[in-house]
Structures are given as C-alpha cells and as structure tokens.
C-alpha cells in the first residue's frame, strides 16, 4: 500500500520494482495490495505496480488483493470515515476482472473483502467467493476488519483462509478472535504491525507529514502529546531491542511472529534497508514466557489513541 497510497506521493516505479525483486530474493512470498491503493490521479496504481514487479516470479508469489471499498475523501470534512463499502455480487464480479487485468495474472491467490458491507450479508459474499474459486479466478478468500460473527457466518458458506485485521502492540483488541481462528483453522494477517510506523521508534515530537498526501498527518499517535504518552512503550521496545541485538521494529514484529504460528504481519516499506530489517525479525526468538511478559507490560502501560482504534 505504502508504495502508492496514503504515505506521500507514489514512489518511483523502477525503484519499487527493484525492492519487490529484492524481497523475493530474500524468500518473501506474500505480497498484499488492493484495487483502491492508489492516488486520486490513478486509484489503481498499486495493483499494476505489484503485477508488473512480480511477473517474473509469479509462481513463487502469493498475491493478495481486495475488493469492496472505495474512498470518498469529502466525508473527512464531515468528520466521517472516507471508506465507502459496496459488496454487491455484480460489483465483486467487476472488481475481480479488473484486478486480474491490472495484476496481469490468471488467478488471485488470496482475495479479501476489504471491509464488511452492512448492506450485503456475508453469506452472499461467501457464495460469490465459492463461485470464483470454482471458476479458478481466485484460490482462497478472506475478510478484513471482521468480527467473530462475520467470520463464522462467512466460513460456514465458503471456508475462509485468512482474516486481515489491524494488529500491533498498540492495537491488541482482535486477540479475542484467536480462539475462533484456531477452531476454524484460519490464518491471521496483521496489518499496521508498527502502528503506522510509531513502533519503529523512527519518529519523535515535532515530526510533520504532508497533510495532502500522507494520512499520518491525521493520526492521533503522531501528535507531540501522543509521543509523550507513548514514551514508556518506546523505551520498552528499545530495551528489548538492545537485549536481543535487534531494532525496535524487529521486536514489534517478532512479538507477534512468536506469539502464534498463524500470524503473518505485513509491514510495508519503500527502502531496501528497512526491507532487510523487517525480514530479519523472523530470526529473532522470543519464548512464550517472554511474549507473555511483554503482554503483561503492554496491558498496564499508558498509550495514546491510535489510528483505527486500539480495539481493546
């Protein structure tokens, strides 16, 4: 997402192709995009970028994309979410054909409903997914930002492979879903595992973002007051990083990788140095006791509000 959407102007295509190729060389196989990851000038930019970059590696790559939302930024001026949901079957059919074309592929490995549409029963969406799997256009499906009720109802019609929800040390509310995911054998894909970058420790008081192109300018965790509120959390991360010979960001990823074997975080970056750093988190071992101790500290620690809500 961050290569094309919400974190400043879209990145240089040649550089991003090289970055994605480097990720494949490192053994990274899971690449996440969506039909709406783009700019007002080119709302579908990211799918084309990902498709072109992964074309030489298609058989090695698991490509995940999403349907079911569009953005109406005018709603922000009304104090409302800019996300507009639409999961009507005919819209899904149009979306999957567009995504296949932009990705330059015959099939999508993992196709998510980007947000649950309150107007369309999840069972109806699941029925469309079942048909798309039967037709060979998608291989697996998932839901993003789903509740236990959504998951159970959808899974009963067409088994889910993954649920992609916001999850980080600052947003742990969806841990309540872990029992049902284990019961139904569904993977958990964690988006915003760094709380949009705060947990890397790379930002401090006074850092500013482009209000037009960078959504961090509107996120509560990046205010000066929030940085003060999160000082104890960032200190904990630095301390653990020093103990493990790692970085703060690597600890934030290792904490969830070591918590459950079915959690797959999807950190984004535009920089090769950060790509290598993120990949290195897989080599950091935290015992169950260490993860539990971190959880206990997080539960008792003051934290600022975080974009999307803590969910706790």
Protein backbone atom coordinates (compact mmCIF):
# COMPACT_ATOMS: atom_id res chain seq x y z
CA UNK A 1 0.00 0.00 0.00
CA UNK A 2 2.64 2.46 1.06
CA UNK A 3 4.32 2.42 -2.33
CA UNK A 4 1.27 4.02 -3.95
CA UNK A 5 -1.19 5.18 -1.31
CA UNK A 6 -1.52 7.19 1.90
CA UNK A 7 2.17 7.70 2.76
CA UNK A 8 3.03 10.58 0.46
CA UNK A 9 3.20 10.76 -3.33
CA UNK A 10 3.54 7.40 -5.13
CA UNK A 11 7.09 6.08 -5.15
CA UNK A 12 9.33 5.70 -8.19
CA UNK A 13 8.20 2.60 -10.10
CA UNK A 14 11.67 1.44 -11.11
CA UNK A 15 12.88 1.62 -7.51
CA UNK A 16 9.81 -0.23 -6.22
CA UNK A 17 10.20 -2.98 -8.83
CA UNK A 18 13.77 -3.47 -7.62
CA UNK A 19 12.60 -3.50 -3.99
CA UNK A 20 9.96 -6.16 -4.68
CA UNK A 21 12.51 -8.25 -6.59
CA UNK A 22 14.86 -7.99 -3.61
CA UNK A 23 12.07 -9.17 -1.34
CA UNK A 24 11.55 -12.26 -3.50
CA UNK A 25 15.29 -12.94 -3.39
CA UNK A 26 15.12 -12.81 0.43
CA UNK A 27 12.45 -15.51 0.44
CA UNK A 28 9.47 -13.24 0.98
CA UNK A 29 6.48 -14.68 -0.88
CA UNK A 30 3.37 -12.88 0.42
CA UNK A 31 2.54 -9.54 -1.25
CA UNK A 32 -0.52 -7.54 -0.24
CA UNK A 33 -2.31 -4.98 -2.41
CA UNK A 34 -5.86 -3.75 -3.14
CA UNK A 35 -7.81 -2.28 -6.02
CA UNK A 36 -8.03 1.06 -4.15
CA UNK A 37 -4.34 1.52 -3.30
CA UNK A 38 -3.52 4.50 -5.43
CA UNK A 39 -3.79 8.26 -5.77
CA UNK A 40 -6.70 10.44 -6.91
CA UNK A 41 -4.99 10.62 -10.31
CA UNK A 42 -4.52 6.84 -10.53
CA UNK A 43 -6.64 4.95 -7.98
CA UNK A 44 -5.47 1.53 -9.19
CA UNK A 45 -1.74 2.28 -9.26
CA UNK A 46 -0.62 -0.34 -6.77
CA UNK A 47 -2.12 -3.41 -8.42
CA UNK A 48 -0.36 -2.54 -11.69
CA UNK A 49 2.90 -1.95 -9.81
CA UNK A 50 2.71 -5.25 -7.93
CA UNK A 51 1.63 -7.21 -11.01
CA UNK A 52 4.45 -5.90 -13.17
CA UNK A 53 7.09 -6.35 -10.46
CA UNK A 54 6.04 -9.94 -9.70
CA UNK A 55 5.52 -11.06 -13.30
CA UNK A 56 8.96 -12.78 -13.45
CA UNK A 57 8.25 -14.53 -10.13
CA UNK A 58 4.55 -15.34 -10.43
CA UNK A 59 4.83 -18.99 -9.39
CA UNK A 60 6.82 -18.03 -6.28
CA UNK A 61 4.47 -15.30 -5.15
CA UNK A 62 1.27 -15.30 -3.13
CA UNK A 63 -0.60 -12.22 -4.34
CA UNK A 64 -3.36 -10.91 -2.11
CA UNK A 65 -5.71 -8.16 -3.25
CA UNK A 66 -9.07 -6.81 -2.11
CA UNK A 67 -12.50 -5.70 -3.27
CA UNK A 68 -15.47 -3.95 -1.77
CA UNK A 69 -14.42 -0.41 -0.86
CA UNK A 70 -13.85 2.97 -2.43
CA UNK A 71 -12.77 6.26 -0.89
CA UNK A 72 -14.78 9.47 -0.67
CA UNK A 73 -12.36 11.93 0.91
CA UNK A 74 -15.07 14.61 1.14
CA UNK A 75 -16.53 12.61 4.03
CA UNK A 76 -13.49 13.54 6.14
CA UNK A 77 -14.69 17.15 6.14
CA UNK A 78 -17.89 15.89 7.75
CA UNK A 79 -15.94 14.05 10.42
CA UNK A 80 -16.85 10.68 8.89
CA UNK A 81 -14.80 7.76 7.63
CA UNK A 82 -13.85 8.14 3.94
CA UNK A 83 -14.38 4.41 3.34
CA UNK A 84 -17.45 3.52 1.28
CA UNK A 85 -18.37 -0.19 1.18
CA UNK A 86 -20.02 -1.98 -1.74
CA UNK A 87 -20.06 -5.78 -1.91
CA UNK A 88 -22.91 -6.36 -4.32
CA UNK A 89 -22.23 -9.51 -6.38
CA UNK A 90 -22.10 -7.60 -9.66
CA UNK A 91 -19.55 -5.18 -8.15
CA UNK A 92 -17.41 -8.08 -6.94
CA UNK A 93 -17.52 -9.62 -10.43
CA UNK A 94 -16.39 -6.34 -11.98
CA UNK A 95 -13.67 -5.90 -9.34
CA UNK A 96 -12.13 -9.33 -9.78
CA UNK A 97 -11.90 -8.90 -13.54
CA UNK A 98 -10.26 -5.50 -13.10
CA UNK A 99 -7.77 -6.84 -10.56
CA UNK A 100 -6.84 -9.82 -12.73
CA UNK A 101 -6.22 -7.49 -15.66
CA UNK A 102 -4.14 -4.97 -13.69
CA UNK A 103 -2.14 -7.70 -11.93
CA UNK A 104 -1.51 -9.43 -15.26
CA UNK A 105 -2.41 -12.83 -13.88
CA UNK A 106 -4.95 -15.59 -14.48
CA UNK A 107 -5.71 -16.08 -10.80
CA UNK A 108 -5.54 -14.28 -7.45
CA UNK A 109 -4.05 -16.32 -4.63
CA UNK A 110 -5.94 -14.61 -1.79
CA UNK A 111 -8.94 -12.35 -2.39
CA UNK A 112 -10.22 -10.29 0.53
CA UNK A 113 -13.44 -8.47 1.19
CA UNK A 114 -11.73 -5.22 2.17
CA UNK A 115 -14.42 -4.23 4.66
CA UNK A 116 -17.69 -5.89 5.62
CA UNK A 117 -20.62 -4.23 3.84
CA UNK A 118 -23.53 -3.77 6.29
CA UNK A 119 -25.95 -3.81 3.34
CA UNK A 120 -24.87 -7.18 1.93
CA UNK A 121 -24.96 -10.38 4.07
CA UNK A 122 -21.55 -12.01 4.37
CA UNK A 123 -23.17 -15.27 3.31
CA UNK A 124 -23.99 -13.72 -0.07
CA UNK A 125 -20.39 -12.55 -0.47
CA UNK A 126 -19.14 -16.01 0.51
CA UNK A 127 -21.34 -17.54 -2.17
CA UNK A 128 -19.69 -15.35 -4.80
CA UNK A 129 -16.26 -16.36 -3.47
CA UNK A 130 -17.21 -20.03 -3.73
CA UNK A 131 -18.13 -19.48 -7.38
CA UNK A 132 -14.90 -17.59 -8.11
CA UNK A 133 -12.84 -20.40 -6.58
CA UNK A 134 -14.75 -22.95 -8.66
CA UNK A 135 -14.06 -20.86 -11.78
CA UNK A 136 -10.33 -20.71 -10.96
CA UNK A 137 -10.23 -16.91 -10.74
CA UNK A 138 -9.24 -16.96 -7.09
CA UNK A 139 -7.67 -19.71 -4.98
CA UNK A 140 -8.52 -18.57 -1.45
CA UNK A 141 -10.52 -15.81 0.17
CA UNK A 142 -10.52 -13.75 3.33
CA UNK A 143 -12.13 -10.84 5.16
CA UNK A 144 -10.51 -7.70 6.53
CA UNK A 145 -11.62 -5.99 9.75
CA UNK A 146 -14.04 -8.79 10.55
CA UNK A 147 -15.77 -9.79 13.79
CA UNK A 148 -16.31 -13.32 15.12
CA UNK A 149 -19.90 -13.27 13.84
CA UNK A 150 -18.74 -12.22 10.36
CA UNK A 151 -16.13 -14.95 10.34
CA UNK A 152 -18.41 -17.76 11.46
CA UNK A 153 -21.21 -16.86 9.05
CA UNK A 154 -18.89 -16.46 6.06
CA UNK A 155 -16.85 -19.57 6.84
CA UNK A 156 -19.99 -21.72 7.03
CA UNK A 157 -20.70 -20.96 3.34
CA UNK A 158 -17.17 -20.95 1.90
CA UNK A 159 -14.18 -21.66 4.19
CA UNK A 160 -12.00 -18.66 4.90
CA UNK A 161 -8.24 -18.88 4.56
CA UNK A 162 -7.35 -15.61 6.29
CA UNK A 163 -8.65 -12.72 8.32
CA UNK A 164 -6.73 -9.47 7.90
CA UNK A 165 -7.23 -7.08 10.81
CA UNK A 166 -5.33 -4.21 12.37
CA UNK A 167 -2.93 -5.59 14.97
CA UNK A 168 0.07 -4.23 16.82
CA UNK A 169 1.37 -3.64 20.33
CA UNK A 170 -0.89 -0.57 20.36
CA UNK A 171 -3.96 -2.35 18.95
CA UNK A 172 -4.47 -5.76 20.53
CA UNK A 173 -8.27 -5.95 20.61
CA UNK A 174 -8.51 -8.61 17.92
CA UNK A 175 -6.67 -11.10 20.09
CA UNK A 176 -10.17 -12.08 21.18
CA UNK A 177 -10.53 -13.70 17.74
CA UNK A 178 -7.61 -16.08 18.22
CA UNK A 179 -9.74 -18.93 19.70
CA UNK A 180 -12.18 -18.94 16.76
CA UNK A 181 -9.33 -18.72 14.24
CA UNK A 182 -7.70 -21.74 15.88
CA UNK A 183 -11.03 -23.60 15.94
CA UNK A 184 -11.67 -22.98 12.24
CA UNK A 185 -8.00 -23.17 11.08
CA UNK A 186 -7.93 -19.63 9.68
CA UNK A 187 -4.77 -17.53 9.42
CA UNK A 188 -4.46 -14.02 10.87
CA UNK A 189 -2.80 -11.38 8.69
CA UNK A 190 -1.77 -8.38 10.78
CA UNK A 191 -1.86 -5.02 9.02
CA UNK A 192 -0.28 -1.89 10.50
CA UNK A 193 2.02 -4.04 12.72
CA UNK A 194 4.09 -0.92 13.51
CA UNK A 195 1.00 1.20 14.33
CA UNK A 196 1.74 3.06 11.07
CA UNK A 197 5.40 3.46 12.00
CA UNK A 198 5.34 4.61 15.61
CA UNK A 199 6.69 1.31 16.93
CA UNK A 200 9.82 1.52 14.81
CA UNK A 201 10.99 4.36 17.03
CA UNK A 202 11.84 6.39 13.94
CA UNK A 203 9.53 9.30 14.78
CA UNK A 204 9.54 11.85 17.56
CA UNK A 205 7.91 15.03 18.79
CA UNK A 206 7.61 17.67 16.12
CA UNK A 207 7.76 15.34 13.11
CA UNK A 208 5.35 16.63 10.45
CA UNK A 209 3.70 14.96 7.47
CA UNK A 210 2.23 16.28 4.23
CA UNK A 211 -1.44 16.81 5.07
CA UNK A 212 -2.48 16.35 1.44
CA UNK A 213 -0.81 13.03 0.64
CA UNK A 214 0.18 11.44 3.95
CA UNK A 215 -2.52 10.06 6.22
CA UNK A 216 -0.15 10.12 9.20
CA UNK A 217 -0.83 13.85 9.39
CA UNK A 218 -4.29 12.95 10.73
CA UNK A 219 -3.29 10.07 13.00
CA UNK A 220 -3.52 10.61 16.77
CA UNK A 221 -0.40 8.59 17.59
CA UNK A 222 1.86 11.10 15.81
CA UNK A 223 0.97 14.21 17.82
CA UNK A 224 3.55 15.63 20.22
CA UNK A 225 1.27 14.77 23.14
CA UNK A 226 1.00 11.18 21.91
CA UNK A 227 4.75 10.82 21.69
CA UNK A 228 4.95 11.78 25.37
CA UNK A 229 2.19 9.32 26.26
CA UNK A 230 3.98 6.54 24.39
CA UNK A 231 7.41 7.18 25.89
CA UNK A 232 7.22 4.14 28.18
CA UNK A 233 6.23 1.87 25.28
CA UNK A 234 9.07 3.12 23.10
CA UNK A 235 11.51 2.71 26.00
CA UNK A 236 10.36 -0.91 26.43
CA UNK A 237 10.95 -1.58 22.74
CA UNK A 238 14.44 -0.04 22.83
CA UNK A 239 15.33 -2.06 25.93
CA UNK A 240 14.16 -5.34 24.37
CA UNK A 241 15.93 -4.48 21.13
CA UNK A 242 19.22 -3.89 22.94
CA UNK A 243 18.82 -7.17 24.81
CA UNK A 244 18.20 -9.13 21.59
CA UNK A 245 20.65 -7.28 19.35
CA UNK A 246 17.75 -6.05 17.25
CA UNK A 247 15.83 -2.88 16.39
CA UNK A 248 12.58 -1.66 17.91
CA UNK A 249 10.70 -2.52 14.74
CA UNK A 250 12.09 -6.04 14.70
CA UNK A 251 10.89 -6.57 18.26
CA UNK A 252 7.40 -5.35 17.32
CA UNK A 253 7.28 -7.95 14.54
CA UNK A 254 8.97 -10.77 16.47
CA UNK A 255 6.49 -10.32 19.31
CA UNK A 256 3.59 -11.31 17.05
CA UNK A 257 5.51 -13.86 14.97
CA UNK A 258 6.46 -15.73 18.15
CA UNK A 259 3.00 -15.40 19.72
CA UNK A 260 1.08 -17.58 17.26
CA UNK A 261 2.32 -19.66 14.30
CA UNK A 262 -0.59 -18.50 12.14
CA UNK A 263 0.07 -14.74 12.44
CA UNK A 264 1.56 -13.14 9.32
CA UNK A 265 2.40 -9.44 9.69
CA UNK A 266 2.55 -7.35 6.52
CA UNK A 267 4.89 -4.39 7.17
CA UNK A 268 5.36 -2.01 4.27
CA UNK A 269 8.41 -0.05 3.20
CA UNK A 270 9.94 1.87 0.32
CA UNK A 271 13.53 1.36 1.45
CA UNK A 272 15.84 -1.63 0.98
CA UNK A 273 17.43 -1.10 4.40
CA UNK A 274 14.00 -1.35 6.06
CA UNK A 275 13.09 -4.39 3.96
CA UNK A 276 16.18 -6.19 5.21
CA UNK A 277 15.45 -5.06 8.75
CA UNK A 278 11.86 -6.30 8.62
CA UNK A 279 12.90 -9.66 7.17
CA UNK A 280 15.42 -10.04 9.97
CA UNK A 281 12.61 -10.09 12.53
CA UNK A 282 11.92 -13.70 11.54
CA UNK A 283 15.27 -14.68 13.04
CA UNK A 284 14.53 -13.24 16.48
CA UNK A 285 13.33 -15.81 19.01
CA UNK A 286 11.08 -14.77 21.88
CA UNK A 287 9.96 -17.53 24.23
CA UNK A 288 6.33 -17.94 25.26
CA UNK A 289 7.30 -16.60 28.68
CA UNK A 290 8.93 -13.53 27.13
CA UNK A 291 5.87 -12.85 24.95
CA UNK A 292 3.60 -13.22 27.99
CA UNK A 293 5.78 -10.82 29.99
CA UNK A 294 5.62 -8.26 27.19
CA UNK A 295 1.83 -8.65 27.02
CA UNK A 296 1.53 -8.05 30.74
CA UNK A 297 3.56 -4.85 30.49
CA UNK A 298 1.57 -3.65 27.49
CA UNK A 299 -1.70 -4.20 29.35
CA UNK A 300 -0.60 -1.98 32.24
CA UNK A 301 1.13 0.69 30.16
CA UNK A 302 -0.23 4.15 29.26
CA UNK A 303 -0.61 4.64 25.50
CA UNK A 304 -2.04 7.28 23.23
CA UNK A 305 -5.00 6.80 20.97
CA UNK A 306 -4.05 5.06 17.74
CA UNK A 307 -5.48 5.39 14.24
CA UNK A 308 -8.24 2.83 13.69
CA UNK A 309 -8.72 2.39 17.43
CA UNK A 310 -6.98 0.10 19.88
CA UNK A 311 -9.86 -2.34 19.74
CA UNK A 312 -9.25 -3.20 23.37
